[in-house]
Amino acid sequence: MNSTRYDNGMAKRQTKLLTDQLRQAIDDSSLTRYRIAKETGISESALSQFYNGHRGLSMDALNALGRCLQLTITMRRKPSKSKGN
């Protein structure tokens, strides 16, 4: 999946959504969705619906998914634009 889009002829980096990053982490893990469901307590149906973009997950489920996939969240803020620019 390409994370770059072209806008008015200029290349701009587009930030991936957190949900897209979680789906990628699921794909990159060596675990099946069945195994992830069993280890996290998230139903297979809920995990499948999340993975396919049809529903979200609760904070508890997201925490369990992060623990299962051994994820670390790194937070960065975009630099704010100054009023003069």
PDB file of N, CA and C in Angstrom:
ATOM      1  N   MET A   1       0.845  -1.175   0.000  1.00  0.00           N
ATOM      2  CA  MET A   1       0.000   0.000   0.000  1.00  0.00           C
ATOM      3  C   MET A   1       0.886   1.232   0.000  1.00  0.00           C
ATOM      4  N   ASN A   2       0.587   2.136  -0.884  1.00  0.00           N
ATOM      5  CA  ASN A   2       1.395   3.340  -1.035  1.00  0.00           C
ATOM      6  C   ASN A   2       0.881   4.427  -0.092  1.00  0.00           C
ATOM      7  N   SER A   3       1.774   5.047   0.652  1.00  0.00           N
ATOM      8  CA  SER A   3       1.362   6.085   1.594  1.00  0.00           C
ATOM      9  C   SER A   3       1.603   7.486   1.041  1.00  0.00           C
ATOM     10  N   THR A   4       1.823   7.598  -0.252  1.00  0.00           N
ATOM     11  CA  THR A   4       2.087   8.902  -0.857  1.00  0.00           C
ATOM     12  C   THR A   4       1.012   9.194  -1.888  1.00  0.00           C
ATOM     13  N   ARG A   5       0.518  10.411  -1.905  1.00  0.00           N
ATOM     14  CA  ARG A   5      -0.424  10.814  -2.941  1.00  0.00           C
ATOM     15  C   ARG A   5       0.111  12.066  -3.612  1.00  0.00           C
ATOM     16  N   TYR A   6      -0.347  12.325  -4.814  1.00  0.00           N
ATOM     17  CA  TYR A   6       0.087  13.504  -5.537  1.00  0.00           C
ATOM     18  C   TYR A   6      -1.064  14.478  -5.618  1.00  0.00           C
ATOM     19  N   ASP A   7      -0.793  15.712  -5.251  1.00  0.00           N
ATOM     20  CA  ASP A   7      -1.812  16.739  -5.151  1.00  0.00           C
ATOM     21  C   ASP A   7      -1.322  17.964  -5.901  1.00  0.00           C
ATOM     22  N   ASN A   8      -2.015  18.349  -6.969  1.00  0.00           N
ATOM     23  CA  ASN A   8      -1.628  19.513  -7.769  1.00  0.00           C
ATOM     24  C   ASN A   8      -0.174  19.449  -8.222  1.00  0.00           C
ATOM     25  N   GLY A   9       0.274  18.241  -8.582  1.00  0.00           N
ATOM     26  CA  GLY A   9       1.626  18.100  -9.104  1.00  0.00           C
ATOM     27  C   GLY A   9       2.718  18.063  -8.061  1.00  0.00           C
ATOM     28  N   MET A  10       2.386  18.248  -6.791  1.00  0.00           N
ATOM     29  CA  MET A  10       3.394  18.239  -5.737  1.00  0.00           C
ATOM     30  C   MET A  10       3.212  16.984  -4.890  1.00  0.00           C
ATOM     31  N   ALA A  11       4.304  16.327  -4.571  1.00  0.00           N
ATOM     32  CA  ALA A  11       4.244  15.127  -3.737  1.00  0.00           C
ATOM     33  C   ALA A  11       4.047  15.545  -2.282  1.00  0.00           C
ATOM     34  N   LYS A  12       3.079  14.918  -1.644  1.00  0.00           N
ATOM     35  CA  LYS A  12       2.839  15.146  -0.220  1.00  0.00           C
ATOM     36  C   LYS A  12       2.717  13.796   0.459  1.00  0.00           C
ATOM     37  N   ARG A  13       3.289  13.677   1.612  1.00  0.00           N
ATOM     38  CA  ARG A  13       3.175  12.442   2.374  1.00  0.00           C
ATOM     39  C   ARG A  13       1.836  12.434   3.097  1.00  0.00           C
ATOM     40  N   GLN A  14       1.088  11.368   2.913  1.00  0.00           N
ATOM     41  CA  GLN A  14      -0.205  11.228   3.574  1.00  0.00           C
ATOM     42  C   GLN A  14      -0.041  10.274   4.751  1.00  0.00           C
ATOM     43  N   THR A  15      -0.459  10.696   5.920  1.00  0.00           N
ATOM     44  CA  THR A  15      -0.346   9.884   7.111  1.00  0.00           C
ATOM     45  C   THR A  15      -1.384   8.775   7.064  1.00  0.00           C
ATOM     46  N   LYS A  16      -0.944   7.552   7.354  1.00  0.00           N
ATOM     47  CA  LYS A  16      -1.875   6.434   7.417  1.00  0.00           C
ATOM     48  C   LYS A  16      -2.739   6.572   8.663  1.00  0.00           C
ATOM     49  N   LEU A  17      -3.986   6.194   8.537  1.00  0.00           N
ATOM     50  CA  LEU A  17      -4.890   6.178   9.681  1.00  0.00           C
ATOM     51  C   LEU A  17      -4.443   5.098  10.665  1.00  0.00           C
ATOM     52  N   LEU A  18      -4.763   5.303  11.933  1.00  0.00           N
ATOM     53  CA  LEU A  18      -4.421   4.319  12.951  1.00  0.00           C
ATOM     54  C   LEU A  18      -5.039   2.964  12.621  1.00  0.00           C
ATOM     55  N   THR A  19      -6.287   2.954  12.147  1.00  0.00           N
ATOM     56  CA  THR A  19      -6.937   1.689  11.816  1.00  0.00           C
ATOM     57  C   THR A  19      -6.193   0.966  10.695  1.00  0.00           C
ATOM     58  N   ASP A  20      -5.688   1.718   9.710  1.00  0.00           N
ATOM     59  CA  ASP A  20      -4.915   1.104   8.631  1.00  0.00           C
ATOM     60  C   ASP A  20      -3.605   0.518   9.171  1.00  0.00           C
ATOM     61  N   GLN A  21      -2.991   1.225  10.118  1.00  0.00           N
ATOM     62  CA  GLN A  21      -1.749   0.739  10.707  1.00  0.00           C
ATOM     63  C   GLN A  21      -2.000  -0.540  11.516  1.00  0.00           C
ATOM     64  N   LEU A  22      -3.152  -0.600  12.214  1.00  0.00           N
ATOM     65  CA  LEU A  22      -3.488  -1.806  12.979  1.00  0.00           C
ATOM     66  C   LEU A  22      -3.748  -2.984  12.044  1.00  0.00           C
ATOM     67  N   ARG A  23      -4.444  -2.736  10.944  1.00  0.00           N
ATOM     68  CA  ARG A  23      -4.665  -3.807   9.969  1.00  0.00           C
ATOM     69  C   ARG A  23      -3.331  -4.304   9.415  1.00  0.00           C
ATOM     70  N   GLN A  24      -2.418  -3.391   9.149  1.00  0.00           N
ATOM     71  CA  GLN A  24      -1.098  -3.778   8.652  1.00  0.00           C
ATOM     72  C   GLN A  24      -0.355  -4.593   9.698  1.00  0.00           C
ATOM     73  N   ALA A  25      -0.460  -4.221  10.970  1.00  0.00           N
ATOM     74  CA  ALA A  25       0.202  -4.978  12.040  1.00  0.00           C
ATOM     75  C   ALA A  25      -0.378  -6.384  12.137  1.00  0.00           C
ATOM     76  N   ILE A  26      -1.687  -6.523  11.941  1.00  0.00           N
ATOM     77  CA  ILE A  26      -2.309  -7.853  11.935  1.00  0.00           C
ATOM     78  C   ILE A  26      -1.746  -8.668  10.776  1.00  0.00           C
ATOM     79  N   ASP A  27      -1.669  -8.058   9.593  1.00  0.00           N
ATOM     80  CA  ASP A  27      -1.127  -8.745   8.424  1.00  0.00           C
ATOM     81  C   ASP A  27       0.331  -9.142   8.622  1.00  0.00           C
ATOM     82  N   ASP A  28       1.107  -8.259   9.256  1.00  0.00           N
ATOM     83  CA  ASP A  28       2.534  -8.498   9.435  1.00  0.00           C
ATOM     84  C   ASP A  28       2.848  -9.504  10.535  1.00  0.00           C
ATOM     85  N   SER A  29       1.893  -9.738  11.427  1.00  0.00           N
ATOM     86  CA  SER A  29       2.132 -10.696  12.508  1.00  0.00           C
ATOM     87  C   SER A  29       2.082 -12.113  11.934  1.00  0.00           C
ATOM     88  N   SER A  30       2.657 -13.032  12.639  1.00  0.00           N
ATOM     89  CA  SER A  30       2.609 -14.427  12.199  1.00  0.00           C
ATOM     90  C   SER A  30       1.367 -15.131  12.747  1.00  0.00           C
ATOM     91  N   LEU A  31       0.469 -14.359  13.334  1.00  0.00           N
ATOM     92  CA  LEU A  31      -0.718 -14.922  13.964  1.00  0.00           C
ATOM     93  C   LEU A  31      -1.913 -14.923  13.015  1.00  0.00           C
ATOM     94  N   THR A  32      -2.728 -15.944  13.114  1.00  0.00           N
ATOM     95  CA  THR A  32      -3.985 -15.961  12.368  1.00  0.00           C
ATOM     96  C   THR A  32      -4.991 -15.086  13.106  1.00  0.00           C
ATOM     97  N   ARG A  33      -6.005 -14.654  12.401  1.00  0.00           N
ATOM     98  CA  ARG A  33      -7.042 -13.858  13.069  1.00  0.00           C
ATOM     99  C   ARG A  33      -7.759 -14.694  14.128  1.00  0.00           C
ATOM    100  N   TYR A  34      -7.870 -15.995  13.895  1.00  0.00           N
ATOM    101  CA  TYR A  34      -8.463 -16.890  14.896  1.00  0.00           C
ATOM    102  C   TYR A  34      -7.638 -16.845  16.180  1.00  0.00           C
ATOM    103  N   ARG A  35      -6.325 -16.941  16.045  1.00  0.00           N
ATOM    104  CA  ARG A  35      -5.434 -16.918  17.215  1.00  0.00           C
ATOM    105  C   ARG A  35      -5.486 -15.563  17.921  1.00  0.00           C
ATOM    106  N   ILE A  36      -5.513 -14.482  17.139  1.00  0.00           N
ATOM    107  CA  ILE A  36      -5.607 -13.145  17.729  1.00  0.00           C
ATOM    108  C   ILE A  36      -6.908 -13.022  18.507  1.00  0.00           C
ATOM    109  N   ALA A  37      -7.992 -13.517  17.945  1.00  0.00           N
ATOM    110  CA  ALA A  37      -9.289 -13.463  18.630  1.00  0.00           C
ATOM    111  C   ALA A  37      -9.231 -14.225  19.953  1.00  0.00           C
ATOM    112  N   LYS A  38      -8.646 -15.407  19.934  1.00  0.00           N
ATOM    113  CA  LYS A  38      -8.551 -16.215  21.159  1.00  0.00           C
ATOM    114  C   LYS A  38      -7.675 -15.538  22.212  1.00  0.00           C
ATOM    115  N   GLU A  39      -6.558 -14.957  21.797  1.00  0.00           N
ATOM    116  CA  GLU A  39      -5.623 -14.347  22.750  1.00  0.00           C
ATOM    117  C   GLU A  39      -6.126 -13.017  23.306  1.00  0.00           C
ATOM    118  N   THR A  40      -6.964 -12.314  22.546  1.00  0.00           N
ATOM    119  CA  THR A  40      -7.422 -10.997  22.977  1.00  0.00           C
ATOM    120  C   THR A  40      -8.794 -11.020  23.624  1.00  0.00           C
ATOM    121  N   GLY A  41      -9.562 -12.078  23.367  1.00  0.00           N
ATOM    122  CA  GLY A  41     -10.934 -12.113  23.853  1.00  0.00           C
ATOM    123  C   GLY A  41     -11.897 -11.357  22.944  1.00  0.00           C
ATOM    124  N   ILE A  42     -11.401 -10.861  21.816  1.00  0.00           N
ATOM    125  CA  ILE A  42     -12.247 -10.199  20.827  1.00  0.00           C
ATOM    126  C   ILE A  42     -12.880 -11.306  19.989  1.00  0.00           C
ATOM    127  N   SER A  43     -14.182 -11.256  19.776  1.00  0.00           N
ATOM    128  CA  SER A  43     -14.821 -12.298  18.981  1.00  0.00           C
ATOM    129  C   SER A  43     -14.269 -12.269  17.560  1.00  0.00           C
ATOM    130  N   GLU A  44     -14.251 -13.431  16.934  1.00  0.00           N
ATOM    131  CA  GLU A  44     -13.763 -13.500  15.550  1.00  0.00           C
ATOM    132  C   GLU A  44     -14.589 -12.595  14.645  1.00  0.00           C
ATOM    133  N   SER A  45     -15.889 -12.534  14.907  1.00  0.00           N
ATOM    134  CA  SER A  45     -16.779 -11.697  14.104  1.00  0.00           C
ATOM    135  C   SER A  45     -16.410 -10.226  14.246  1.00  0.00           C
ATOM    136  N   ALA A  46     -16.204  -9.775  15.478  1.00  0.00           N
ATOM    137  CA  ALA A  46     -15.852  -8.368  15.719  1.00  0.00           C
ATOM    138  C   ALA A  46     -14.498  -8.048  15.103  1.00  0.00           C
ATOM    139  N   LEU A  47     -13.540  -8.966  15.225  1.00  0.00           N
ATOM    140  CA  LEU A  47     -12.216  -8.748  14.656  1.00  0.00           C
ATOM    141  C   LEU A  47     -12.297  -8.682  13.131  1.00  0.00           C
ATOM    142  N   SER A  48     -13.080  -9.559  12.543  1.00  0.00           N
ATOM    143  CA  SER A  48     -13.254  -9.564  11.091  1.00  0.00           C
ATOM    144  C   SER A  48     -13.925  -8.279  10.620  1.00  0.00           C
ATOM    145  N   GLN A  49     -14.958  -7.844  11.337  1.00  0.00           N
ATOM    146  CA  GLN A  49     -15.655  -6.610  10.954  1.00  0.00           C
ATOM    147  C   GLN A  49     -14.742  -5.402  11.087  1.00  0.00           C
ATOM    148  N   PHE A  50     -13.911  -5.374  12.129  1.00  0.00           N
ATOM    149  CA  PHE A  50     -12.936  -4.290  12.279  1.00  0.00           C
ATOM    150  C   PHE A  50     -11.943  -4.327  11.129  1.00  0.00           C
ATOM    151  N   TYR A  51     -11.402  -5.510  10.866  1.00  0.00           N
ATOM    152  CA  TYR A  51     -10.378  -5.661   9.830  1.00  0.00           C
ATOM    153  C   TYR A  51     -10.906  -5.211   8.476  1.00  0.00           C
ATOM    154  N   ASN A  52     -12.173  -5.487   8.203  1.00  0.00           N
ATOM    155  CA  ASN A  52     -12.778  -5.128   6.916  1.00  0.00           C
ATOM    156  C   ASN A  52     -13.374  -3.724   6.898  1.00  0.00           C
ATOM    157  N   GLY A  53     -13.201  -2.969   7.987  1.00  0.00           N
ATOM    158  CA  GLY A  53     -13.632  -1.578   8.027  1.00  0.00           C
ATOM    159  C   GLY A  53     -15.114  -1.372   8.258  1.00  0.00           C
ATOM    160  N   HIS A  54     -15.798  -2.398   8.782  1.00  0.00           N
ATOM    161  CA  HIS A  54     -17.239  -2.287   8.998  1.00  0.00           C
ATOM    162  C   HIS A  54     -17.616  -1.868  10.413  1.00  0.00           C
ATOM    163  N   ARG A  55     -16.661  -1.877  11.341  1.00  0.00           N
ATOM    164  CA  ARG A  55     -16.933  -1.443  12.714  1.00  0.00           C
ATOM    165  C   ARG A  55     -15.637  -1.113  13.414  1.00  0.00           C
ATOM    166  N   GLY A  56     -15.775  -0.418  14.524  1.00  0.00           N
ATOM    167  CA  GLY A  56     -14.620  -0.085  15.345  1.00  0.00           C
ATOM    168  C   GLY A  56     -14.480  -1.079  16.484  1.00  0.00           C
ATOM    169  N   LEU A  57     -13.476  -0.856  17.301  1.00  0.00           N
ATOM    170  CA  LEU A  57     -13.256  -1.674  18.486  1.00  0.00           C
ATOM    171  C   LEU A  57     -13.260  -0.780  19.716  1.00  0.00           C
ATOM    172  N   SER A  58     -13.665  -1.339  20.838  1.00  0.00           N
ATOM    173  CA  SER A  58     -13.649  -0.599  22.098  1.00  0.00           C
ATOM    174  C   SER A  58     -12.207  -0.338  22.511  1.00  0.00           C
ATOM    175  N   MET A  59     -12.029   0.564  23.444  1.00  0.00           N
ATOM    176  CA  MET A  59     -10.684   0.853  23.953  1.00  0.00           C
ATOM    177  C   MET A  59     -10.067  -0.393  24.584  1.00  0.00           C
ATOM    178  N   ASP A  60     -10.871  -1.162  25.320  1.00  0.00           N
ATOM    179  CA  ASP A  60     -10.355  -2.396  25.919  1.00  0.00           C
ATOM    180  C   ASP A  60      -9.890  -3.366  24.845  1.00  0.00           C
ATOM    181  N   ALA A  61     -10.670  -3.491  23.770  1.00  0.00           N
ATOM    182  CA  ALA A  61     -10.295  -4.391  22.678  1.00  0.00           C
ATOM    183  C   ALA A  61      -9.033  -3.893  21.979  1.00  0.00           C
ATOM    184  N   LEU A  62      -8.936  -2.579  21.771  1.00  0.00           N
ATOM    185  CA  LEU A  62      -7.735  -2.016  21.150  1.00  0.00           C
ATOM    186  C   LEU A  62      -6.503  -2.256  22.014  1.00  0.00           C
ATOM    187  N   ASN A  63      -6.656  -2.097  23.332  1.00  0.00           N
ATOM    188  CA  ASN A  63      -5.546  -2.365  24.254  1.00  0.00           C
ATOM    189  C   ASN A  63      -5.121  -3.825  24.180  1.00  0.00           C
ATOM    190  N   ALA A  64      -6.111  -4.734  24.156  1.00  0.00           N
ATOM    191  CA  ALA A  64      -5.817  -6.168  24.068  1.00  0.00           C
ATOM    192  C   ALA A  64      -5.127  -6.496  22.747  1.00  0.00           C
ATOM    193  N   LEU A  65      -5.574  -5.884  21.667  1.00  0.00           N
ATOM    194  CA  LEU A  65      -4.962  -6.100  20.361  1.00  0.00           C
ATOM    195  C   LEU A  65      -3.512  -5.612  20.355  1.00  0.00           C
ATOM    196  N   GLY A  66      -3.282  -4.445  20.932  1.00  0.00           N
ATOM    197  CA  GLY A  66      -1.924  -3.909  21.024  1.00  0.00           C
ATOM    198  C   GLY A  66      -1.000  -4.804  21.830  1.00  0.00           C
ATOM    199  N   ARG A  67      -1.493  -5.313  22.951  1.00  0.00           N
ATOM    200  CA  ARG A  67      -0.688  -6.229  23.770  1.00  0.00           C
ATOM    201  C   ARG A  67      -0.380  -7.509  23.005  1.00  0.00           C
ATOM    202  N   CYS A  68      -1.400  -8.074  22.351  1.00  0.00           N
ATOM    203  CA  CYS A  68      -1.244  -9.322  21.616  1.00  0.00           C
ATOM    204  C   CYS A  68      -0.216  -9.178  20.496  1.00  0.00           C
ATOM    205  N   LEU A  69      -0.273  -8.062  19.788  1.00  0.00           N
ATOM    206  CA  LEU A  69       0.633  -7.836  18.659  1.00  0.00           C
ATOM    207  C   LEU A  69       1.953  -7.206  19.090  1.00  0.00           C
ATOM    208  N   GLN A  70       2.102  -6.958  20.394  1.00  0.00           N
ATOM    209  CA  GLN A  70       3.301  -6.349  20.974  1.00  0.00           C
ATOM    210  C   GLN A  70       3.629  -5.020  20.294  1.00  0.00           C
ATOM    211  N   LEU A  71       2.608  -4.167  20.209  1.00  0.00           N
ATOM    212  CA  LEU A  71       2.754  -2.868  19.559  1.00  0.00           C
ATOM    213  C   LEU A  71       3.171  -1.803  20.549  1.00  0.00           C
ATOM    214  N   THR A  72       3.917  -0.839  20.067  1.00  0.00           N
ATOM    215  CA  THR A  72       4.277   0.354  20.819  1.00  0.00           C
ATOM    216  C   THR A  72       3.760   1.542  20.034  1.00  0.00           C
ATOM    217  N   ILE A  73       3.040   2.407  20.702  1.00  0.00           N
ATOM    218  CA  ILE A  73       2.487   3.599  20.056  1.00  0.00           C
ATOM    219  C   ILE A  73       3.474   4.746  20.209  1.00  0.00           C
ATOM    220  N   THR A  74       3.810   5.395  19.105  1.00  0.00           N
ATOM    221  CA  THR A  74       4.665   6.572  19.115  1.00  0.00           C
ATOM    222  C   THR A  74       3.822   7.738  18.646  1.00  0.00           C
ATOM    223  N   MET A  75       3.724   8.757  19.472  1.00  0.00           N
ATOM    224  CA  MET A  75       2.877   9.896  19.137  1.00  0.00           C
ATOM    225  C   MET A  75       3.728  11.073  18.693  1.00  0.00           C
ATOM    226  N   ARG A  76       3.309  11.664  17.581  1.00  0.00           N
ATOM    227  CA  ARG A  76       3.963  12.867  17.080  1.00  0.00           C
ATOM    228  C   ARG A  76       2.878  13.831  16.658  1.00  0.00           C
ATOM    229  N   ARG A  77       3.126  15.095  16.859  1.00  0.00           N
ATOM    230  CA  ARG A  77       2.199  16.131  16.416  1.00  0.00           C
ATOM    231  C   ARG A  77       2.760  16.777  15.176  1.00  0.00           C
ATOM    232  N   LYS A  78       1.853  17.159  14.295  1.00  0.00           N
ATOM    233  CA  LYS A  78       2.281  17.927  13.127  1.00  0.00           C
ATOM    234  C   LYS A  78       2.735  19.291  13.610  1.00  0.00           C
ATOM    235  N   PRO A  79       3.765  19.856  12.997  1.00  0.00           N
ATOM    236  CA  PRO A  79       4.168  21.213  13.377  1.00  0.00           C
ATOM    237  C   PRO A  79       3.025  22.169  13.033  1.00  0.00           C
ATOM    238  N   SER A  80       2.760  23.093  13.926  1.00  0.00           N
ATOM    239  CA  SER A  80       1.679  24.047  13.655  1.00  0.00           C
ATOM    240  C   SER A  80       2.190  25.094  12.669  1.00  0.00           C
ATOM    241  N   LYS A  81       1.275  25.535  11.821  1.00  0.00           N
ATOM    242  CA  LYS A  81       1.628  26.576  10.853  1.00  0.00           C
ATOM    243  C   LYS A  81       1.579  27.921  11.546  1.00  0.00           C
ATOM    244  N   SER A  82       2.582  28.733  11.308  1.00  0.00           N
ATOM    245  CA  SER A  82       2.571  30.064  11.907  1.00  0.00           C
ATOM    246  C   SER A  82       1.563  30.942  11.179  1.00  0.00           C
ATOM    247  N   LYS A  83       1.040  31.929  11.855  1.00  0.00           N
ATOM    248  CA  LYS A  83       0.008  32.798  11.284  1.00  0.00           C
ATOM    249  C   LYS A  83       0.529  33.636  10.124  1.00  0.00           C
ATOM    250  N   GLY A  84       1.804  33.860  10.067  1.00  0.00           N
ATOM    251  CA  GLY A  84       2.374  34.709   9.024  1.00  0.00           C
ATOM    252  C   GLY A  84       2.550  33.994   7.702  1.00  0.00           C
ATOM    253  N   ASN A  85       2.424  32.660   7.674  1.00  0.00           N
ATOM    254  CA  ASN A  85       2.657  31.904   6.426  1.00  0.00           C
ATOM    255  C   ASN A  85       1.405  31.594   5.699  1.00  0.00           C
TER     256      ASN A  85
END
